[in-house]
């Protein structure tokens, strides 16, 4: 599981919910999850 350290998954999940483009958020979330 790669961890950039900038945005933890829980925080990124909140960010993804705020973003209108969920498809892009899911793509990035998959990259964060590895």
PDB file of N, CA and C in Angstrom:
ATOM      1  N   UNK A   1       0.841  -1.210   0.000  1.00  0.00           N
ATOM      2  CA  UNK A   1       0.000   0.000   0.000  1.00  0.00           C
ATOM      3  C   UNK A   1       0.874   1.258   0.000  1.00  0.00           C
ATOM      4  N   UNK A   2       0.994   1.923  -1.129  1.00  0.00           N
ATOM      5  CA  UNK A   2       1.810   3.144  -1.212  1.00  0.00           C
ATOM      6  C   UNK A   2       1.187   4.268  -0.407  1.00  0.00           C
ATOM      7  N   UNK A   3       2.007   4.957   0.360  1.00  0.00           N
ATOM      8  CA  UNK A   3       1.485   6.041   1.195  1.00  0.00           C
ATOM      9  C   UNK A   3       2.282   7.314   0.936  1.00  0.00           C
ATOM     10  N   UNK A   4       1.648   8.289   0.287  1.00  0.00           N
ATOM     11  CA  UNK A   4       2.334   9.546  -0.025  1.00  0.00           C
ATOM     12  C   UNK A   4       2.561  10.372   1.226  1.00  0.00           C
ATOM     13  N   UNK A   5       1.637  10.250   2.204  1.00  0.00           N
ATOM     14  CA  UNK A   5       1.798  10.994   3.444  1.00  0.00           C
ATOM     15  C   UNK A   5       1.056  12.321   3.409  1.00  0.00           C
ATOM     16  N   UNK A   6       0.731  12.802   2.198  1.00  0.00           N
ATOM     17  CA  UNK A   6       0.043  14.090   2.104  1.00  0.00           C
ATOM     18  C   UNK A   6      -1.433  13.952   2.474  1.00  0.00           C
ATOM     19  N   UNK A   7      -2.098  12.962   1.874  1.00  0.00           N
ATOM     20  CA  UNK A   7      -3.530  12.799   2.130  1.00  0.00           C
ATOM     21  C   UNK A   7      -3.851  11.365   2.520  1.00  0.00           C
ATOM     22  N   UNK A   8      -4.140  11.136   3.802  1.00  0.00           N
ATOM     23  CA  UNK A   8      -4.552   9.810   4.256  1.00  0.00           C
ATOM     24  C   UNK A   8      -5.842   9.390   3.563  1.00  0.00           C
ATOM     25  N   UNK A   9      -6.102   8.091   3.494  1.00  0.00           N
ATOM     26  CA  UNK A   9      -7.289   7.600   2.788  1.00  0.00           C
ATOM     27  C   UNK A   9      -8.598   8.181   3.343  1.00  0.00           C
ATOM     28  N   UNK A  10      -8.787   8.227   4.690  1.00  0.00           N
ATOM     29  CA  UNK A  10     -10.019   8.797   5.241  1.00  0.00           C
ATOM     30  C   UNK A  10     -10.228  10.238   4.791  1.00  0.00           C
ATOM     31  N   UNK A  11      -9.173  11.033   4.832  1.00  0.00           N
ATOM     32  CA  UNK A  11      -9.268  12.435   4.428  1.00  0.00           C
ATOM     33  C   UNK A  11      -9.548  12.518   2.932  1.00  0.00           C
ATOM     34  N   UNK A  12      -8.906  11.641   2.169  1.00  0.00           N
ATOM     35  CA  UNK A  12      -9.110  11.656   0.717  1.00  0.00           C
ATOM     36  C   UNK A  12     -10.541  11.240   0.389  1.00  0.00           C
ATOM     37  N   UNK A  13     -11.086  10.345   1.215  1.00  0.00           N
ATOM     38  CA  UNK A  13     -12.465   9.908   0.994  1.00  0.00           C
ATOM     39  C   UNK A  13     -13.408  11.100   1.142  1.00  0.00           C
ATOM     40  N   UNK A  14     -13.170  11.938   2.154  1.00  0.00           N
ATOM     41  CA  UNK A  14     -13.996  13.131   2.353  1.00  0.00           C
ATOM     42  C   UNK A  14     -13.835  14.056   1.159  1.00  0.00           C
ATOM     43  N   UNK A  15     -12.590  14.180   0.681  1.00  0.00           N
ATOM     44  CA  UNK A  15     -12.307  15.050  -0.456  1.00  0.00           C
ATOM     45  C   UNK A  15     -13.026  14.538  -1.701  1.00  0.00           C
ATOM     46  N   UNK A  16     -13.030  13.214  -1.868  1.00  0.00           N
ATOM     47  CA  UNK A  16     -13.681  12.611  -3.032  1.00  0.00           C
ATOM     48  C   UNK A  16     -15.188  12.874  -3.000  1.00  0.00           C
ATOM     49  N   UNK A  17     -15.763  12.858  -1.804  1.00  0.00           N
ATOM     50  CA  UNK A  17     -17.199  13.098  -1.679  1.00  0.00           C
ATOM     51  C   UNK A  17     -17.524  14.543  -2.050  1.00  0.00           C
ATOM     52  N   UNK A  18     -16.590  15.457  -1.776  1.00  0.00           N
ATOM     53  CA  UNK A  18     -16.815  16.868  -2.095  1.00  0.00           C
ATOM     54  C   UNK A  18     -16.677  17.109  -3.592  1.00  0.00           C
ATOM     55  N   UNK A  19     -15.818  16.316  -4.240  1.00  0.00           N
ATOM     56  CA  UNK A  19     -15.594  16.497  -5.674  1.00  0.00           C
ATOM     57  C   UNK A  19     -16.800  16.017  -6.471  1.00  0.00           C
ATOM     58  N   UNK A  20     -17.214  16.769  -7.493  1.00  0.00           N
ATOM     59  CA  UNK A  20     -18.330  16.373  -8.345  1.00  0.00           C
ATOM     60  C   UNK A  20     -17.958  15.194  -9.250  1.00  0.00           C
ATOM     61  N   UNK A  21     -16.666  15.079  -9.569  1.00  0.00           N
ATOM     62  CA  UNK A  21     -16.216  14.013 -10.456  1.00  0.00           C
ATOM     63  C   UNK A  21     -15.804  12.793  -9.635  1.00  0.00           C
ATOM     64  N   UNK A  22     -16.749  11.925  -9.369  1.00  0.00           N
ATOM     65  CA  UNK A  22     -16.457  10.748  -8.551  1.00  0.00           C
ATOM     66  C   UNK A  22     -15.595   9.752  -9.305  1.00  0.00           C
ATOM     67  N   UNK A  23     -15.760   9.712 -10.639  1.00  0.00           N
ATOM     68  CA  UNK A  23     -14.998   8.738 -11.433  1.00  0.00           C
ATOM     69  C   UNK A  23     -13.502   8.992 -11.291  1.00  0.00           C
ATOM     70  N   UNK A  24     -13.087  10.253 -11.352  1.00  0.00           N
ATOM     71  CA  UNK A  24     -11.667  10.580 -11.201  1.00  0.00           C
ATOM     72  C   UNK A  24     -11.225  10.278  -9.772  1.00  0.00           C
ATOM     73  N   UNK A  25     -12.108  10.574  -8.824  1.00  0.00           N
ATOM     74  CA  UNK A  25     -11.785  10.335  -7.417  1.00  0.00           C
ATOM     75  C   UNK A  25     -11.547   8.852  -7.176  1.00  0.00           C
ATOM     76  N   UNK A  26     -12.389   8.024  -7.798  1.00  0.00           N
ATOM     77  CA  UNK A  26     -12.238   6.576  -7.643  1.00  0.00           C
ATOM     78  C   UNK A  26     -10.914   6.114  -8.242  1.00  0.00           C
ATOM     79  N   UNK A  27     -10.558   6.675  -9.410  1.00  0.00           N
ATOM     80  CA  UNK A  27      -9.293   6.289 -10.049  1.00  0.00           C
ATOM     81  C   UNK A  27      -8.126   6.625  -9.137  1.00  0.00           C
ATOM     82  N   UNK A  28      -8.146   7.822  -8.549  1.00  0.00           N
ATOM     83  CA  UNK A  28      -7.049   8.223  -7.659  1.00  0.00           C
ATOM     84  C   UNK A  28      -7.074   7.408  -6.375  1.00  0.00           C
ATOM     85  N   UNK A  29      -8.280   7.125  -5.882  1.00  0.00           N
ATOM     86  CA  UNK A  29      -8.402   6.337  -4.650  1.00  0.00           C
ATOM     87  C   UNK A  29      -7.784   4.956  -4.854  1.00  0.00           C
ATOM     88  N   UNK A  30      -8.010   4.378  -6.044  1.00  0.00           N
ATOM     89  CA  UNK A  30      -7.433   3.059  -6.338  1.00  0.00           C
ATOM     90  C   UNK A  30      -5.911   3.153  -6.332  1.00  0.00           C
ATOM     91  N   UNK A  31      -5.368   4.256  -6.836  1.00  0.00           N
ATOM     92  CA  UNK A  31      -3.914   4.429  -6.862  1.00  0.00           C
ATOM     93  C   UNK A  31      -3.386   4.563  -5.435  1.00  0.00           C
ATOM     94  N   UNK A  32      -4.133   5.284  -4.586  1.00  0.00           N
ATOM     95  CA  UNK A  32      -3.709   5.459  -3.199  1.00  0.00           C
ATOM     96  C   UNK A  32      -3.769   4.130  -2.454  1.00  0.00           C
ATOM     97  N   UNK A  33      -4.803   3.331  -2.751  1.00  0.00           N
ATOM     98  CA  UNK A  33      -4.948   2.040  -2.083  1.00  0.00           C
ATOM     99  C   UNK A  33      -3.909   1.045  -2.583  1.00  0.00           C
ATOM    100  N   UNK A  34      -3.500   1.220  -3.841  1.00  0.00           N
ATOM    101  CA  UNK A  34      -2.530   0.296  -4.401  1.00  0.00           C
ATOM    102  C   UNK A  34      -3.254  -0.915  -4.977  1.00  0.00           C
TER     103      UNK A  34
END
